[in-house]
Amino acid sequence: MIRRVIDWLETHKRAIGLSTLAVVVIGSVFWVPLVLRPLDFFHVRRVVVRGVRYLDGRALVRQMQIDTTVSIWDALGPYTARLASHRQIRSVRLSRRLPSTVIVTIEEITPIALAPSQGGGLRAYDEGGRALPLDPTRVDVDLPILSRADTSLLRLLGDLKRIDPAMYARVSEVERTGREEAIVFLSSLPVRVRSTIPADRFAELRAVEEDLVRRGVKYVELDLRFSDRVIVRLQ
């Protein structure tokens, strides 16, 4: 009988070894942080913020309220929650880099345009018409200017930025001229549109502009208010 047990152990020793190793590894997931948390070596000494363009990374670190008394093994949930409350952050993810660095990955809510605020000056808005806590006097922004925070025009600009970023970059100003009409200024060139126009129609302007330039035709305005055509007003 003893001999049979020994033979069985010899036959299955590899499986037994792997099983033992698995138990040790799984167990370490629970006890390693408990053992290492008190060590100064694992106290947070650096926070790296990624993905910010308009936000101030240093201000975000201050908002986290994290300091060198915190261990890299401590729960990161409270710091994630503090950042998630920021009105210009769409999503945030925290991760660890041993031995002492916390990585913060941010997805910002992108400003689409500037519009006058009630207190004077300009304020940044997203495509949903929400005011963002972004100060254009402190942050270098190059955004179209609206006469007011017009939700339908902000939505149009947001769609245009997704579909055709190069065309969106040409927009300097948008002015509503009627209940359903507006003028979009591509630098100084006025383009008349309906406020409900699909953003992909702006692509039609390229071929028209290229043709006019090739023929040496001087023009002062383009009009997209009519379906399937671009009206050109000559100088």
Protein backbone atom coordinates (compact mmCIF):
# COMPACT_ATOMS: atom_id res chain seq x y z
CA MET A 1 0.00 0.00 0.00
CA ILE A 2 2.75 2.45 0.95
CA ARG A 3 4.50 1.67 -2.29
CA ARG A 4 1.35 2.47 -4.24
CA VAL A 5 1.05 5.87 -2.51
CA ILE A 6 4.67 6.68 -3.31
CA ASP A 7 4.16 5.70 -6.94
CA TRP A 8 1.03 7.86 -7.14
CA LEU A 9 2.89 10.87 -5.71
CA GLU A 10 5.71 10.40 -8.17
CA THR A 11 3.27 10.22 -11.07
CA HIS A 12 1.34 13.33 -10.01
CA LYS A 13 4.12 15.44 -8.48
CA ARG A 14 4.02 18.01 -11.29
CA ALA A 15 0.29 18.61 -10.85
CA ILE A 16 0.72 18.77 -7.08
CA GLY A 17 3.53 21.32 -7.44
CA LEU A 18 1.51 23.55 -9.74
CA SER A 19 -1.50 23.38 -7.43
CA THR A 20 0.62 24.34 -4.44
CA LEU A 21 2.14 27.22 -6.37
CA ALA A 22 -1.33 28.42 -7.39
CA VAL A 23 -2.48 28.40 -3.78
CA VAL A 24 0.56 30.44 -2.75
CA VAL A 25 0.07 32.99 -5.56
CA ILE A 26 -3.65 33.39 -4.91
CA GLY A 27 -3.03 33.74 -1.22
CA SER A 28 -0.38 36.39 -1.81
CA VAL A 29 -2.94 38.63 -3.48
CA PHE A 30 -4.54 39.03 -0.08
CA TRP A 31 -1.62 39.08 2.34
CA VAL A 32 1.08 40.94 0.35
CA PRO A 33 -0.67 44.37 0.52
CA LEU A 34 -1.32 43.90 4.25
CA VAL A 35 2.34 43.15 4.90
CA LEU A 36 3.77 45.86 2.64
CA ARG A 37 1.35 48.73 3.37
CA PRO A 38 3.18 50.02 6.50
CA LEU A 39 6.57 50.19 4.75
CA ASP A 40 7.80 53.71 3.89
CA PHE A 41 9.16 52.34 0.63
CA PHE A 42 5.58 51.99 -0.66
CA HIS A 43 4.30 55.41 0.41
CA VAL A 44 3.06 57.52 -2.52
CA ARG A 45 5.78 59.92 -3.67
CA ARG A 46 4.59 60.75 -7.18
CA VAL A 47 1.29 61.25 -9.00
CA VAL A 48 1.33 61.26 -12.82
CA VAL A 49 -1.69 62.80 -14.58
CA ARG A 50 -2.31 61.78 -18.21
CA GLY A 51 -4.84 62.93 -20.78
CA VAL A 52 -5.21 66.57 -19.70
CA ARG A 53 -5.26 69.33 -22.28
CA TYR A 54 -7.31 72.12 -20.76
CA LEU A 55 -7.25 71.12 -17.10
CA ASP A 56 -4.40 71.84 -14.67
CA GLY A 57 -2.81 68.56 -13.62
CA ARG A 58 -1.40 70.08 -10.42
CA ALA A 59 -4.85 71.33 -9.43
CA LEU A 60 -6.25 67.83 -9.98
CA VAL A 61 -3.60 66.34 -7.69
CA ARG A 62 -4.56 68.85 -5.02
CA GLN A 63 -8.21 67.89 -5.46
CA MET A 64 -7.31 64.24 -4.84
CA GLN A 65 -5.99 65.16 -1.36
CA ILE A 66 -3.33 62.47 -1.58
CA ASP A 67 0.00 62.83 0.26
CA THR A 68 3.08 60.88 1.29
CA THR A 69 1.32 59.31 4.29
CA VAL A 70 -0.75 57.25 1.83
CA SER A 71 0.46 53.80 0.83
CA ILE A 72 0.44 52.68 -2.79
CA TRP A 73 -1.54 49.68 -1.49
CA ASP A 74 -4.36 51.78 -0.06
CA ALA A 75 -7.73 51.80 -1.84
CA LEU A 76 -7.80 54.29 -4.72
CA GLY A 77 -11.59 54.61 -4.83
CA PRO A 78 -11.86 57.77 -2.69
CA TYR A 79 -9.37 59.63 -4.90
CA THR A 80 -11.18 58.50 -8.05
CA ALA A 81 -14.46 59.79 -6.62
CA ARG A 82 -12.99 63.21 -5.84
CA LEU A 83 -11.81 63.63 -9.41
CA ALA A 84 -15.02 62.22 -10.93
CA SER A 85 -16.95 65.08 -9.32
CA HIS A 86 -15.10 67.61 -11.50
CA ARG A 87 -17.48 69.15 -14.06
CA GLN A 88 -14.98 68.90 -16.90
CA ILE A 89 -13.96 65.27 -16.39
CA ARG A 90 -15.87 62.65 -18.39
CA SER A 91 -14.05 59.65 -16.95
CA VAL A 92 -11.07 58.95 -14.68
CA ARG A 93 -9.06 55.82 -13.95
CA LEU A 94 -6.35 55.35 -11.32
CA SER A 95 -3.66 52.68 -11.36
CA ARG A 96 -0.46 51.89 -9.47
CA ARG A 97 3.16 51.77 -10.58
CA LEU A 98 5.32 50.19 -7.94
CA PRO A 99 6.87 51.15 -5.71
CA SER A 100 5.37 54.61 -5.12
CA THR A 101 3.58 56.15 -8.14
CA VAL A 102 -0.13 56.62 -8.80
CA ILE A 103 -1.13 57.02 -12.46
CA VAL A 104 -4.22 59.14 -13.15
CA THR A 105 -5.74 58.80 -16.63
CA ILE A 106 -8.29 61.49 -17.47
CA GLU A 107 -10.80 61.89 -20.29
CA GLU A 108 -11.85 65.52 -20.44
CA ILE A 109 -15.18 66.92 -21.56
CA THR A 110 -14.08 68.93 -24.58
CA PRO A 111 -15.08 72.60 -24.90
CA ILE A 112 -16.74 73.29 -28.26
CA ALA A 113 -17.22 77.06 -28.29
CA LEU A 114 -17.06 80.27 -26.30
CA ALA A 115 -20.06 82.46 -25.54
CA PRO A 116 -20.61 85.59 -23.43
CA SER A 117 -21.35 84.93 -19.76
CA GLN A 118 -23.79 86.83 -17.57
CA GLY A 119 -20.93 88.24 -15.53
CA GLY A 120 -19.14 89.53 -18.61
CA GLY A 121 -16.32 87.99 -20.60
CA LEU A 122 -16.43 84.67 -22.41
CA ARG A 123 -17.21 81.25 -21.03
CA ALA A 124 -16.51 77.80 -22.50
CA TYR A 125 -19.37 75.42 -23.29
CA ASP A 126 -19.53 71.78 -24.33
CA GLU A 127 -21.72 70.50 -27.17
CA GLY A 128 -24.57 69.79 -24.75
CA GLY A 129 -24.76 73.44 -23.74
CA ARG A 130 -23.15 72.96 -20.33
CA ALA A 131 -20.84 75.66 -19.02
CA LEU A 132 -17.38 74.35 -18.20
CA PRO A 133 -15.07 75.54 -15.40
CA LEU A 134 -12.46 76.69 -17.88
CA ASP A 135 -11.15 80.26 -17.79
CA PRO A 136 -10.25 81.39 -21.35
CA THR A 137 -8.04 84.13 -19.88
CA ARG A 138 -5.84 81.51 -18.18
CA VAL A 139 -5.99 78.63 -20.67
CA ASP A 140 -4.92 78.98 -24.29
CA VAL A 141 -8.04 78.03 -26.26
CA ASP A 142 -8.80 78.49 -29.96
CA LEU A 143 -12.55 77.96 -30.16
CA PRO A 144 -15.41 79.39 -32.24
CA ILE A 145 -17.34 82.25 -30.64
CA LEU A 146 -21.14 82.25 -30.39
CA SER A 147 -23.28 85.30 -29.67
CA ARG A 148 -24.94 83.19 -26.92
CA ALA A 149 -24.84 79.65 -25.57
CA ASP A 150 -27.12 78.26 -28.29
CA THR A 151 -27.69 74.54 -27.72
CA SER A 152 -28.50 73.62 -31.33
CA LEU A 153 -25.46 75.47 -32.67
CA LEU A 154 -23.21 73.94 -30.03
CA ARG A 155 -24.50 70.51 -31.05
CA LEU A 156 -23.80 71.32 -34.70
CA LEU A 157 -20.24 72.35 -33.88
CA GLY A 158 -19.74 69.21 -31.79
CA ASP A 159 -20.87 67.02 -34.69
CA LEU A 160 -18.66 68.95 -37.10
CA LYS A 161 -15.61 68.49 -34.87
CA ARG A 162 -16.15 64.71 -34.79
CA ILE A 163 -16.89 64.35 -38.50
CA ASP A 164 -14.52 66.92 -40.00
CA PRO A 165 -11.96 68.34 -37.52
CA ALA A 166 -10.18 70.33 -40.25
CA MET A 167 -13.39 72.14 -41.22
CA TYR A 168 -14.27 72.74 -37.56
CA ALA A 169 -10.81 74.31 -37.08
CA ARG A 170 -11.71 76.92 -39.72
CA VAL A 171 -14.81 78.10 -37.83
CA SER A 172 -14.14 81.42 -36.14
CA GLU A 173 -17.67 82.54 -35.26
CA VAL A 174 -21.30 81.43 -35.50
CA GLU A 175 -24.15 83.91 -35.49
CA ARG A 176 -27.84 83.03 -35.39
CA THR A 177 -29.81 85.09 -37.93
CA GLY A 178 -33.27 83.60 -37.51
CA ARG A 179 -35.28 80.94 -35.75
CA GLU A 180 -33.74 78.16 -37.84
CA GLU A 181 -30.91 79.94 -39.62
CA ALA A 182 -27.38 81.00 -38.81
CA ILE A 183 -24.15 82.17 -40.39
CA VAL A 184 -21.00 80.11 -39.83
CA PHE A 185 -17.84 82.11 -40.48
CA LEU A 186 -14.96 80.09 -41.88
CA SER A 187 -12.34 82.65 -40.90
CA SER A 188 -13.88 85.67 -42.66
CA LEU A 189 -15.98 83.71 -45.19
CA PRO A 190 -19.69 83.64 -44.24
CA VAL A 191 -21.59 80.41 -44.87
CA ARG A 192 -25.37 80.55 -44.44
CA VAL A 193 -26.88 77.40 -42.92
CA ARG A 194 -29.97 76.08 -41.24
CA SER A 195 -29.28 75.36 -37.57
CA THR A 196 -30.54 71.78 -38.12
CA ILE A 197 -28.13 71.10 -41.00
CA PRO A 198 -26.28 67.75 -40.85
CA ALA A 199 -22.62 68.44 -40.13
CA ASP A 200 -21.45 66.24 -43.01
CA ARG A 201 -22.83 68.76 -45.51
CA PHE A 202 -19.90 71.07 -44.77
CA ALA A 203 -17.73 68.66 -46.76
CA GLU A 204 -19.47 69.91 -49.92
CA LEU A 205 -17.77 73.28 -49.46
CA ARG A 206 -14.30 71.96 -50.25
CA ALA A 207 -15.00 70.96 -53.82
CA VAL A 208 -16.86 74.21 -54.45
CA GLU A 209 -14.06 76.37 -53.01
CA GLU A 210 -11.39 74.48 -54.95
CA ASP A 211 -13.34 74.91 -58.19
CA LEU A 212 -13.86 78.64 -57.61
CA VAL A 213 -10.17 79.17 -56.86
CA ARG A 214 -9.14 77.16 -59.92
CA ARG A 215 -11.37 79.32 -62.16
CA GLY A 216 -10.29 82.55 -60.48
CA VAL A 217 -13.84 83.41 -59.42
CA LYS A 218 -14.13 85.94 -56.61
CA TYR A 219 -16.92 85.16 -54.15
CA VAL A 220 -18.13 86.68 -50.90
CA GLU A 221 -20.52 84.10 -49.43
CA LEU A 222 -21.57 80.46 -49.61
CA ASP A 223 -25.02 79.14 -48.80
CA LEU A 224 -25.89 75.61 -47.58
CA ARG A 225 -29.52 76.27 -46.70
CA PHE A 226 -30.87 74.40 -49.73
CA SER A 227 -30.78 70.62 -50.14
CA ASP A 228 -28.15 69.08 -52.43
CA ARG A 229 -26.68 72.37 -53.59
CA VAL A 230 -24.24 75.09 -52.60
CA ILE A 231 -25.20 78.64 -53.58
CA VAL A 232 -22.30 80.95 -54.38
CA ARG A 233 -22.67 84.72 -54.07
CA LEU A 234 -20.16 86.49 -56.22
CA GLN A 235 -18.26 89.65 -55.41
